[in-house]
């Protein structure tokens, strides 16, 4: 087994309990982790929608304006979820499996899912594609951090990177 094959795995997200069905009745299979190329495509679309360059005819450096809208973040998460789904057995009102091919059909199918179902699969996908290092996890919400002895301290101005 090669290195990349260790990452080529799926995870089954069971959503049966959300409709009071026996465990394993309704499921969504997602990639455990997107490839860098897939994740890069998602990020590029997000950045393209949030960054604008200033007037290219002006002298000097180009001003860069960034604006991260709620819509852009939601669209980014939706694409991350869509790129991660590899299969499911979810059906429509007529008991036909909701299509996942082509990609546009998958996006339409995702829009039909009840929010709790979408939220569960999105939570799994986002967690699987977000690396939490010990260093990042040790920072608290107030900007402070625990030292090696577990004691909390808040950094002074010289310790804060801008």
N, C-alpha and C. Protein backbone atom coordinates (compact mmCIF):
# COMPACT_ATOMS: atom_id res chain seq x y z
N UNK A 1 0.84 -1.18 0.00
CA UNK A 1 0.00 0.00 0.00
C UNK A 1 0.89 1.23 0.00
N UNK A 2 0.68 2.12 -0.96
CA UNK A 2 1.47 3.33 -1.07
C UNK A 2 0.97 4.44 -0.16
N UNK A 3 1.75 5.48 -0.06
CA UNK A 3 1.42 6.62 0.80
C UNK A 3 0.06 7.22 0.46
N UNK A 4 -0.18 7.51 -0.81
CA UNK A 4 -1.44 8.16 -1.19
C UNK A 4 -2.65 7.28 -0.96
N UNK A 5 -2.48 5.97 -1.06
CA UNK A 5 -3.63 5.09 -0.84
C UNK A 5 -4.11 5.13 0.61
N UNK A 6 -3.25 5.54 1.53
CA UNK A 6 -3.66 5.69 2.93
C UNK A 6 -4.67 6.82 3.08
N UNK A 7 -4.66 7.78 2.15
CA UNK A 7 -5.56 8.92 2.21
C UNK A 7 -6.81 8.69 1.36
N UNK A 8 -6.79 7.66 0.53
CA UNK A 8 -7.88 7.39 -0.39
C UNK A 8 -8.91 6.50 0.29
N UNK A 9 -9.62 7.07 1.24
CA UNK A 9 -10.59 6.30 2.01
C UNK A 9 -11.87 7.12 2.15
N UNK A 10 -12.95 6.42 2.44
CA UNK A 10 -14.22 7.11 2.65
C UNK A 10 -14.72 6.85 4.06
N UNK A 11 -15.62 7.69 4.48
CA UNK A 11 -16.24 7.57 5.79
C UNK A 11 -17.75 7.62 5.58
N UNK A 12 -18.46 6.72 6.21
CA UNK A 12 -19.91 6.70 6.10
C UNK A 12 -20.50 7.55 7.22
N UNK A 13 -21.34 8.51 6.82
CA UNK A 13 -22.03 9.37 7.78
C UNK A 13 -23.47 8.86 7.84
N UNK A 14 -23.84 8.31 8.97
CA UNK A 14 -25.19 7.77 9.14
C UNK A 14 -26.12 8.91 9.55
N UNK A 15 -27.21 9.07 8.82
CA UNK A 15 -28.20 10.12 9.14
C UNK A 15 -29.56 9.52 9.46
N UNK A 16 -29.60 8.22 9.69
CA UNK A 16 -30.86 7.51 9.95
C UNK A 16 -31.60 8.05 11.16
N UNK A 17 -30.86 8.38 12.21
CA UNK A 17 -31.51 8.86 13.43
C UNK A 17 -32.25 10.17 13.23
N UNK A 18 -31.91 10.91 12.20
CA UNK A 18 -32.57 12.20 11.95
C UNK A 18 -33.99 12.03 11.41
N UNK A 19 -34.31 10.82 10.96
CA UNK A 19 -35.67 10.53 10.48
C UNK A 19 -36.26 9.33 11.22
N UNK A 20 -35.74 9.08 12.42
CA UNK A 20 -36.23 7.98 13.27
C UNK A 20 -36.25 6.64 12.54
N UNK A 21 -35.20 6.35 11.79
CA UNK A 21 -35.05 5.07 11.11
C UNK A 21 -33.97 4.27 11.82
N UNK A 22 -33.97 2.95 11.65
CA UNK A 22 -32.92 2.14 12.27
C UNK A 22 -31.53 2.54 11.75
N UNK A 23 -30.55 2.40 12.61
CA UNK A 23 -29.17 2.74 12.24
C UNK A 23 -28.78 2.06 10.95
N UNK A 24 -28.12 2.80 10.06
CA UNK A 24 -27.64 2.27 8.81
C UNK A 24 -28.63 2.35 7.66
N UNK A 25 -29.84 2.83 7.94
CA UNK A 25 -30.85 2.91 6.88
C UNK A 25 -30.49 3.98 5.86
N UNK A 26 -30.11 5.16 6.33
CA UNK A 26 -29.79 6.30 5.45
C UNK A 26 -28.37 6.74 5.72
N UNK A 27 -27.58 6.87 4.67
CA UNK A 27 -26.16 7.21 4.84
C UNK A 27 -25.65 8.04 3.68
N UNK A 28 -24.52 8.70 3.96
CA UNK A 28 -23.79 9.50 2.96
C UNK A 28 -22.32 9.10 3.09
N UNK A 29 -21.70 8.69 2.00
CA UNK A 29 -20.28 8.38 2.00
C UNK A 29 -19.49 9.60 1.54
N UNK A 30 -18.49 9.97 2.34
CA UNK A 30 -17.66 11.14 2.01
C UNK A 30 -16.20 10.73 2.03
N UNK A 31 -15.40 11.44 1.25
CA UNK A 31 -13.96 11.24 1.28
C UNK A 31 -13.47 11.64 2.67
N UNK A 32 -12.56 10.87 3.20
CA UNK A 32 -12.01 11.24 4.51
C UNK A 32 -11.22 12.52 4.42
N UNK A 33 -10.68 12.80 3.24
CA UNK A 33 -9.87 13.99 3.07
C UNK A 33 -9.81 14.32 1.58
N UNK A 34 -9.99 15.58 1.23
CA UNK A 34 -9.83 15.99 -0.17
C UNK A 34 -8.35 16.00 -0.53
N UNK A 35 -8.06 15.84 -1.81
CA UNK A 35 -6.68 16.01 -2.25
C UNK A 35 -6.35 17.50 -2.21
N UNK A 36 -5.08 17.81 -2.27
CA UNK A 36 -4.69 19.21 -2.28
C UNK A 36 -5.29 19.92 -3.49
N UNK A 37 -5.31 19.25 -4.64
CA UNK A 37 -5.88 19.84 -5.85
C UNK A 37 -7.35 20.18 -5.68
N UNK A 38 -8.12 19.28 -5.06
CA UNK A 38 -9.54 19.54 -4.82
C UNK A 38 -9.73 20.68 -3.83
N UNK A 39 -8.98 20.65 -2.74
CA UNK A 39 -9.09 21.70 -1.73
C UNK A 39 -8.63 23.04 -2.29
N UNK A 40 -7.59 23.01 -3.14
CA UNK A 40 -7.09 24.23 -3.76
C UNK A 40 -8.15 24.86 -4.66
N UNK A 41 -8.86 24.03 -5.41
CA UNK A 41 -9.93 24.54 -6.28
C UNK A 41 -11.02 25.24 -5.45
N UNK A 42 -11.39 24.64 -4.33
CA UNK A 42 -12.39 25.25 -3.45
C UNK A 42 -11.88 26.59 -2.93
N UNK A 43 -10.63 26.63 -2.48
CA UNK A 43 -10.07 27.86 -1.92
C UNK A 43 -9.93 28.95 -2.98
N UNK A 44 -9.52 28.58 -4.18
CA UNK A 44 -9.38 29.57 -5.26
C UNK A 44 -10.72 30.22 -5.59
N UNK A 45 -11.78 29.43 -5.58
CA UNK A 45 -13.10 30.01 -5.86
C UNK A 45 -13.51 30.96 -4.75
N UNK A 46 -13.19 30.61 -3.51
CA UNK A 46 -13.50 31.50 -2.40
C UNK A 46 -12.71 32.80 -2.52
N UNK A 47 -11.41 32.68 -2.78
CA UNK A 47 -10.57 33.88 -2.87
C UNK A 47 -10.95 34.74 -4.06
N UNK A 48 -11.34 34.13 -5.17
CA UNK A 48 -11.74 34.90 -6.35
C UNK A 48 -12.98 35.73 -6.06
N UNK A 49 -13.84 35.24 -5.17
CA UNK A 49 -15.06 35.98 -4.87
C UNK A 49 -14.85 37.01 -3.77
N UNK A 50 -13.69 36.99 -3.11
CA UNK A 50 -13.49 37.91 -1.99
C UNK A 50 -12.38 38.93 -2.21
N UNK A 51 -11.59 38.79 -3.26
CA UNK A 51 -10.49 39.72 -3.48
C UNK A 51 -10.67 40.46 -4.80
N UNK A 52 -10.45 41.77 -4.74
CA UNK A 52 -10.45 42.55 -5.97
C UNK A 52 -9.21 43.42 -5.99
N UNK A 53 -8.58 43.50 -7.13
CA UNK A 53 -7.42 44.36 -7.28
C UNK A 53 -7.89 45.74 -7.69
N UNK A 54 -7.10 46.73 -7.32
CA UNK A 54 -7.43 48.11 -7.68
C UNK A 54 -7.20 48.37 -9.15
N UNK A 55 -7.20 49.62 -9.54
CA UNK A 55 -7.05 50.05 -10.92
C UNK A 55 -5.65 49.69 -11.43
N UNK A 56 -5.55 48.79 -12.41
CA UNK A 56 -4.23 48.37 -12.90
C UNK A 56 -3.48 49.48 -13.64
N UNK A 57 -4.14 50.57 -13.98
CA UNK A 57 -3.46 51.66 -14.67
C UNK A 57 -2.81 52.64 -13.71
N UNK A 58 -3.11 52.51 -12.42
CA UNK A 58 -2.52 53.43 -11.45
C UNK A 58 -1.05 53.09 -11.22
N UNK A 59 -0.26 54.10 -10.88
CA UNK A 59 1.16 53.89 -10.61
C UNK A 59 1.35 53.35 -9.20
N UNK A 60 2.45 52.72 -9.00
CA UNK A 60 2.75 52.18 -7.67
C UNK A 60 2.11 50.81 -7.48
N UNK A 61 1.99 50.46 -6.24
CA UNK A 61 1.44 49.13 -5.94
C UNK A 61 -0.07 49.12 -6.11
N UNK A 62 -0.56 47.99 -6.45
CA UNK A 62 -2.00 47.83 -6.62
C UNK A 62 -2.67 47.69 -5.26
N UNK A 63 -3.70 48.47 -5.02
CA UNK A 63 -4.43 48.28 -3.76
C UNK A 63 -5.24 46.98 -3.86
N UNK A 64 -5.25 46.24 -2.79
CA UNK A 64 -6.02 45.00 -2.75
C UNK A 64 -7.14 45.19 -1.75
N UNK A 65 -8.34 44.91 -2.19
CA UNK A 65 -9.50 45.01 -1.31
C UNK A 65 -9.99 43.59 -1.06
N UNK A 66 -10.14 43.24 0.18
CA UNK A 66 -10.69 41.93 0.49
C UNK A 66 -11.99 42.12 1.25
N UNK A 67 -12.92 41.28 0.95
CA UNK A 67 -14.17 41.29 1.69
C UNK A 67 -14.66 39.85 1.74
N UNK A 68 -14.79 39.35 2.94
CA UNK A 68 -15.24 37.98 3.12
C UNK A 68 -16.70 38.04 3.53
N UNK A 69 -17.56 37.70 2.61
CA UNK A 69 -18.99 37.76 2.88
C UNK A 69 -19.49 36.44 3.43
N UNK A 70 -20.60 36.49 4.10
CA UNK A 70 -21.24 35.29 4.61
C UNK A 70 -21.56 34.36 3.44
N UNK A 71 -22.04 34.93 2.33
CA UNK A 71 -22.37 34.12 1.16
C UNK A 71 -21.15 33.36 0.65
N UNK A 72 -20.00 34.02 0.62
CA UNK A 72 -18.78 33.37 0.13
C UNK A 72 -18.38 32.21 1.03
N UNK A 73 -18.50 32.39 2.33
CA UNK A 73 -18.14 31.33 3.27
C UNK A 73 -19.10 30.15 3.12
N UNK A 74 -20.40 30.44 3.02
CA UNK A 74 -21.39 29.38 2.85
C UNK A 74 -21.16 28.65 1.53
N UNK A 75 -20.91 29.39 0.45
CA UNK A 75 -20.62 28.77 -0.84
C UNK A 75 -19.37 27.90 -0.78
N UNK A 76 -18.36 28.37 -0.05
CA UNK A 76 -17.12 27.62 0.10
C UNK A 76 -17.38 26.30 0.82
N UNK A 77 -18.15 26.34 1.89
CA UNK A 77 -18.45 25.12 2.63
C UNK A 77 -19.28 24.18 1.76
N UNK A 78 -20.25 24.72 1.01
CA UNK A 78 -21.08 23.89 0.15
C UNK A 78 -20.23 23.17 -0.90
N UNK A 79 -19.25 23.86 -1.46
CA UNK A 79 -18.39 23.23 -2.46
C UNK A 79 -17.51 22.17 -1.81
N UNK A 80 -17.01 22.46 -0.62
CA UNK A 80 -16.19 21.49 0.11
C UNK A 80 -17.00 20.22 0.36
N UNK A 81 -18.25 20.39 0.80
CA UNK A 81 -19.12 19.24 1.05
C UNK A 81 -19.38 18.49 -0.26
N UNK A 82 -19.74 19.21 -1.31
CA UNK A 82 -20.05 18.59 -2.60
C UNK A 82 -18.86 17.82 -3.15
N UNK A 83 -17.66 18.38 -3.04
CA UNK A 83 -16.45 17.71 -3.55
C UNK A 83 -16.13 16.45 -2.74
N UNK A 84 -16.63 16.38 -1.51
CA UNK A 84 -16.32 15.27 -0.63
C UNK A 84 -17.26 14.08 -0.79
N UNK A 85 -18.47 14.31 -1.27
CA UNK A 85 -19.46 13.24 -1.36
C UNK A 85 -19.13 12.29 -2.51
N UNK A 86 -19.08 11.00 -2.19
CA UNK A 86 -18.80 9.99 -3.20
C UNK A 86 -19.98 9.05 -3.42
N UNK A 87 -20.95 9.07 -2.53
CA UNK A 87 -22.13 8.22 -2.69
C UNK A 87 -23.09 8.41 -1.55
N UNK A 88 -24.33 8.01 -1.77
CA UNK A 88 -25.36 8.01 -0.73
C UNK A 88 -26.53 7.18 -1.18
N UNK A 89 -27.43 6.93 -0.25
CA UNK A 89 -28.64 6.21 -0.61
C UNK A 89 -29.88 7.04 -0.31
N UNK A 90 -29.72 8.35 -0.27
CA UNK A 90 -30.83 9.26 0.03
C UNK A 90 -31.76 9.34 -1.18
N UNK A 91 -33.06 9.32 -0.91
CA UNK A 91 -34.04 9.28 -1.99
C UNK A 91 -34.99 10.48 -1.94
N UNK A 92 -35.64 10.72 -3.07
CA UNK A 92 -36.63 11.79 -3.16
C UNK A 92 -38.00 11.26 -2.71
N UNK A 93 -39.03 12.06 -2.91
CA UNK A 93 -40.39 11.68 -2.51
C UNK A 93 -40.92 10.45 -3.23
N UNK A 94 -40.35 10.12 -4.38
CA UNK A 94 -40.80 8.97 -5.17
C UNK A 94 -39.89 7.75 -4.98
N UNK A 95 -39.01 7.83 -3.98
CA UNK A 95 -38.08 6.76 -3.63
C UNK A 95 -36.99 6.54 -4.68
N UNK A 96 -36.71 7.58 -5.49
CA UNK A 96 -35.59 7.54 -6.43
C UNK A 96 -34.37 8.15 -5.75
N UNK A 97 -33.21 7.52 -5.92
CA UNK A 97 -32.00 8.05 -5.30
C UNK A 97 -31.68 9.43 -5.88
N UNK A 98 -31.42 10.38 -4.99
CA UNK A 98 -31.04 11.73 -5.42
C UNK A 98 -29.74 11.65 -6.20
N UNK A 99 -29.67 12.29 -7.37
CA UNK A 99 -28.47 12.16 -8.20
C UNK A 99 -27.26 12.91 -7.63
N UNK A 100 -26.09 12.31 -7.85
CA UNK A 100 -24.84 12.99 -7.48
C UNK A 100 -23.96 13.23 -8.70
N UNK A 101 -24.39 12.80 -9.86
CA UNK A 101 -23.67 13.03 -11.11
C UNK A 101 -24.60 13.68 -12.11
N UNK A 102 -24.23 14.64 -12.87
CA UNK A 102 -22.98 15.41 -12.81
C UNK A 102 -22.96 16.30 -11.57
N UNK A 103 -21.89 17.05 -11.43
CA UNK A 103 -21.68 17.88 -10.25
C UNK A 103 -22.84 18.84 -10.01
N UNK A 104 -23.40 19.41 -11.07
CA UNK A 104 -24.53 20.34 -10.92
C UNK A 104 -25.75 19.63 -10.32
N UNK A 105 -25.93 18.34 -10.66
CA UNK A 105 -27.04 17.58 -10.08
C UNK A 105 -26.81 17.37 -8.59
N UNK A 106 -25.56 17.12 -8.20
CA UNK A 106 -25.23 16.96 -6.79
C UNK A 106 -25.52 18.25 -6.03
N UNK A 107 -25.14 19.38 -6.61
CA UNK A 107 -25.41 20.66 -5.95
C UNK A 107 -26.91 20.86 -5.76
N UNK A 108 -27.71 20.49 -6.77
CA UNK A 108 -29.16 20.60 -6.65
C UNK A 108 -29.70 19.64 -5.59
N UNK A 109 -29.16 18.43 -5.54
CA UNK A 109 -29.59 17.45 -4.54
C UNK A 109 -29.25 17.94 -3.13
N UNK A 110 -28.08 18.52 -2.97
CA UNK A 110 -27.69 19.04 -1.65
C UNK A 110 -28.64 20.13 -1.19
N UNK A 111 -29.10 20.95 -2.13
CA UNK A 111 -30.03 22.03 -1.79
C UNK A 111 -31.37 21.48 -1.28
N UNK A 112 -31.70 20.27 -1.64
CA UNK A 112 -32.96 19.66 -1.21
C UNK A 112 -32.88 19.03 0.18
N UNK A 113 -31.66 18.77 0.65
CA UNK A 113 -31.52 18.09 1.94
C UNK A 113 -32.03 18.96 3.09
N UNK A 114 -32.67 18.33 4.06
CA UNK A 114 -33.05 19.07 5.27
C UNK A 114 -31.79 19.60 5.97
N UNK A 115 -31.89 20.74 6.58
CA UNK A 115 -30.72 21.36 7.22
C UNK A 115 -29.99 20.46 8.20
N UNK A 116 -30.69 19.72 9.06
CA UNK A 116 -29.93 18.85 9.99
C UNK A 116 -29.09 17.79 9.29
N UNK A 117 -29.56 17.27 8.17
CA UNK A 117 -28.80 16.27 7.41
C UNK A 117 -27.57 16.93 6.81
N UNK A 118 -27.78 18.09 6.15
CA UNK A 118 -26.66 18.80 5.54
C UNK A 118 -25.65 19.21 6.62
N UNK A 119 -26.14 19.73 7.74
CA UNK A 119 -25.25 20.18 8.81
C UNK A 119 -24.40 19.04 9.35
N UNK A 120 -24.98 17.84 9.46
CA UNK A 120 -24.20 16.71 9.97
C UNK A 120 -23.07 16.35 9.01
N UNK A 121 -23.39 16.23 7.73
CA UNK A 121 -22.35 15.85 6.78
C UNK A 121 -21.33 16.98 6.63
N UNK A 122 -21.78 18.23 6.68
CA UNK A 122 -20.84 19.35 6.59
C UNK A 122 -19.89 19.36 7.78
N UNK A 123 -20.39 19.05 8.96
CA UNK A 123 -19.54 19.00 10.14
C UNK A 123 -18.45 17.95 10.02
N UNK A 124 -18.82 16.79 9.49
CA UNK A 124 -17.84 15.71 9.29
C UNK A 124 -16.80 16.12 8.26
N UNK A 125 -17.26 16.70 7.15
CA UNK A 125 -16.35 17.09 6.06
C UNK A 125 -15.40 18.19 6.50
N UNK A 126 -15.91 19.22 7.14
CA UNK A 126 -15.06 20.33 7.57
C UNK A 126 -14.03 19.83 8.59
N UNK A 127 -14.46 19.01 9.53
CA UNK A 127 -13.52 18.48 10.53
C UNK A 127 -12.44 17.62 9.86
N UNK A 128 -12.83 16.83 8.87
CA UNK A 128 -11.86 15.95 8.21
C UNK A 128 -10.86 16.71 7.37
N UNK A 129 -11.22 17.89 6.91
CA UNK A 129 -10.34 18.66 6.02
C UNK A 129 -9.69 19.84 6.72
N UNK A 130 -9.74 19.86 8.04
CA UNK A 130 -9.12 20.92 8.81
C UNK A 130 -8.11 20.29 9.75
N UNK A 131 -6.86 20.67 9.57
CA UNK A 131 -5.81 20.13 10.44
C UNK A 131 -5.78 20.94 11.71
N UNK A 132 -5.84 20.26 12.84
CA UNK A 132 -5.71 20.93 14.13
C UNK A 132 -4.41 20.47 14.75
N UNK A 133 -3.42 21.33 14.69
CA UNK A 133 -2.16 20.96 15.32
C UNK A 133 -2.25 21.25 16.80
N UNK A 134 -1.37 20.65 17.57
CA UNK A 134 -1.36 20.86 19.01
C UNK A 134 -1.11 22.34 19.32
N UNK A 135 -0.25 22.97 18.53
CA UNK A 135 0.06 24.38 18.74
C UNK A 135 -1.18 25.24 18.53
N UNK A 136 -1.91 25.02 17.44
CA UNK A 136 -3.12 25.79 17.16
C UNK A 136 -4.17 25.52 18.21
N UNK A 137 -4.33 24.29 18.61
CA UNK A 137 -5.37 23.93 19.56
C UNK A 137 -5.10 24.49 20.95
N UNK A 138 -3.85 24.84 21.26
CA UNK A 138 -3.55 25.31 22.61
C UNK A 138 -3.85 26.79 22.80
N UNK A 139 -4.18 27.52 21.74
CA UNK A 139 -4.52 28.92 21.87
C UNK A 139 -5.96 29.07 22.33
N UNK A 140 -6.20 30.02 23.21
CA UNK A 140 -7.57 30.26 23.68
C UNK A 140 -8.21 31.38 22.87
N UNK A 141 -9.50 31.58 23.07
CA UNK A 141 -10.24 32.57 22.30
C UNK A 141 -9.84 34.00 22.64
N UNK A 142 -9.22 34.22 23.79
CA UNK A 142 -8.85 35.59 24.16
C UNK A 142 -7.43 35.95 23.72
N UNK A 143 -6.82 35.10 22.91
CA UNK A 143 -5.47 35.39 22.42
C UNK A 143 -4.40 34.85 23.33
N UNK A 144 -4.80 34.35 24.49
CA UNK A 144 -3.83 33.79 25.41
C UNK A 144 -3.52 32.37 25.03
N UNK A 145 -2.61 31.79 25.76
CA UNK A 145 -2.23 30.41 25.45
C UNK A 145 -1.72 29.77 26.71
N UNK A 146 -1.74 28.47 26.73
CA UNK A 146 -1.20 27.75 27.87
C UNK A 146 0.26 27.45 27.61
N UNK A 147 1.11 27.62 28.64
CA UNK A 147 2.51 27.28 28.46
C UNK A 147 2.69 25.78 28.67
N UNK A 148 3.92 25.32 28.64
CA UNK A 148 4.17 23.88 28.71
C UNK A 148 3.71 23.27 30.03
N UNK A 149 3.57 24.09 31.07
CA UNK A 149 3.08 23.60 32.35
C UNK A 149 1.57 23.71 32.47
N UNK A 150 0.89 24.16 31.40
CA UNK A 150 -0.56 24.29 31.43
C UNK A 150 -1.04 25.60 32.04
N UNK A 151 -0.09 26.48 32.39
CA UNK A 151 -0.47 27.76 32.97
C UNK A 151 -0.88 28.73 31.86
N UNK A 152 -1.98 29.46 32.06
CA UNK A 152 -2.48 30.38 31.04
C UNK A 152 -1.73 31.72 31.14
N UNK A 153 -1.36 32.25 30.00
CA UNK A 153 -0.81 33.59 29.97
C UNK A 153 -1.28 34.28 28.70
N UNK A 154 -1.28 35.62 28.74
CA UNK A 154 -1.67 36.42 27.58
C UNK A 154 -0.41 37.05 27.04
N UNK A 155 -0.16 36.95 25.72
CA UNK A 155 1.08 37.49 25.15
C UNK A 155 1.11 39.00 25.22
N UNK A 156 2.33 39.56 25.36
CA UNK A 156 2.45 41.01 25.32
C UNK A 156 2.56 41.46 23.88
N UNK A 157 2.62 42.77 23.64
CA UNK A 157 2.62 43.31 22.28
C UNK A 157 3.78 42.78 21.43
N UNK A 158 4.92 42.51 22.05
CA UNK A 158 6.07 42.05 21.29
C UNK A 158 5.91 40.59 20.84
N UNK A 159 5.02 39.84 21.50
CA UNK A 159 4.83 38.44 21.15
C UNK A 159 3.73 38.23 20.10
N UNK A 160 2.94 39.25 19.85
CA UNK A 160 1.83 39.12 18.91
C UNK A 160 2.31 39.41 17.50
N UNK A 161 2.16 38.47 16.61
CA UNK A 161 2.54 38.66 15.22
C UNK A 161 1.44 39.40 14.49
N UNK A 162 1.83 40.33 13.66
CA UNK A 162 0.85 41.07 12.89
C UNK A 162 0.78 40.53 11.50
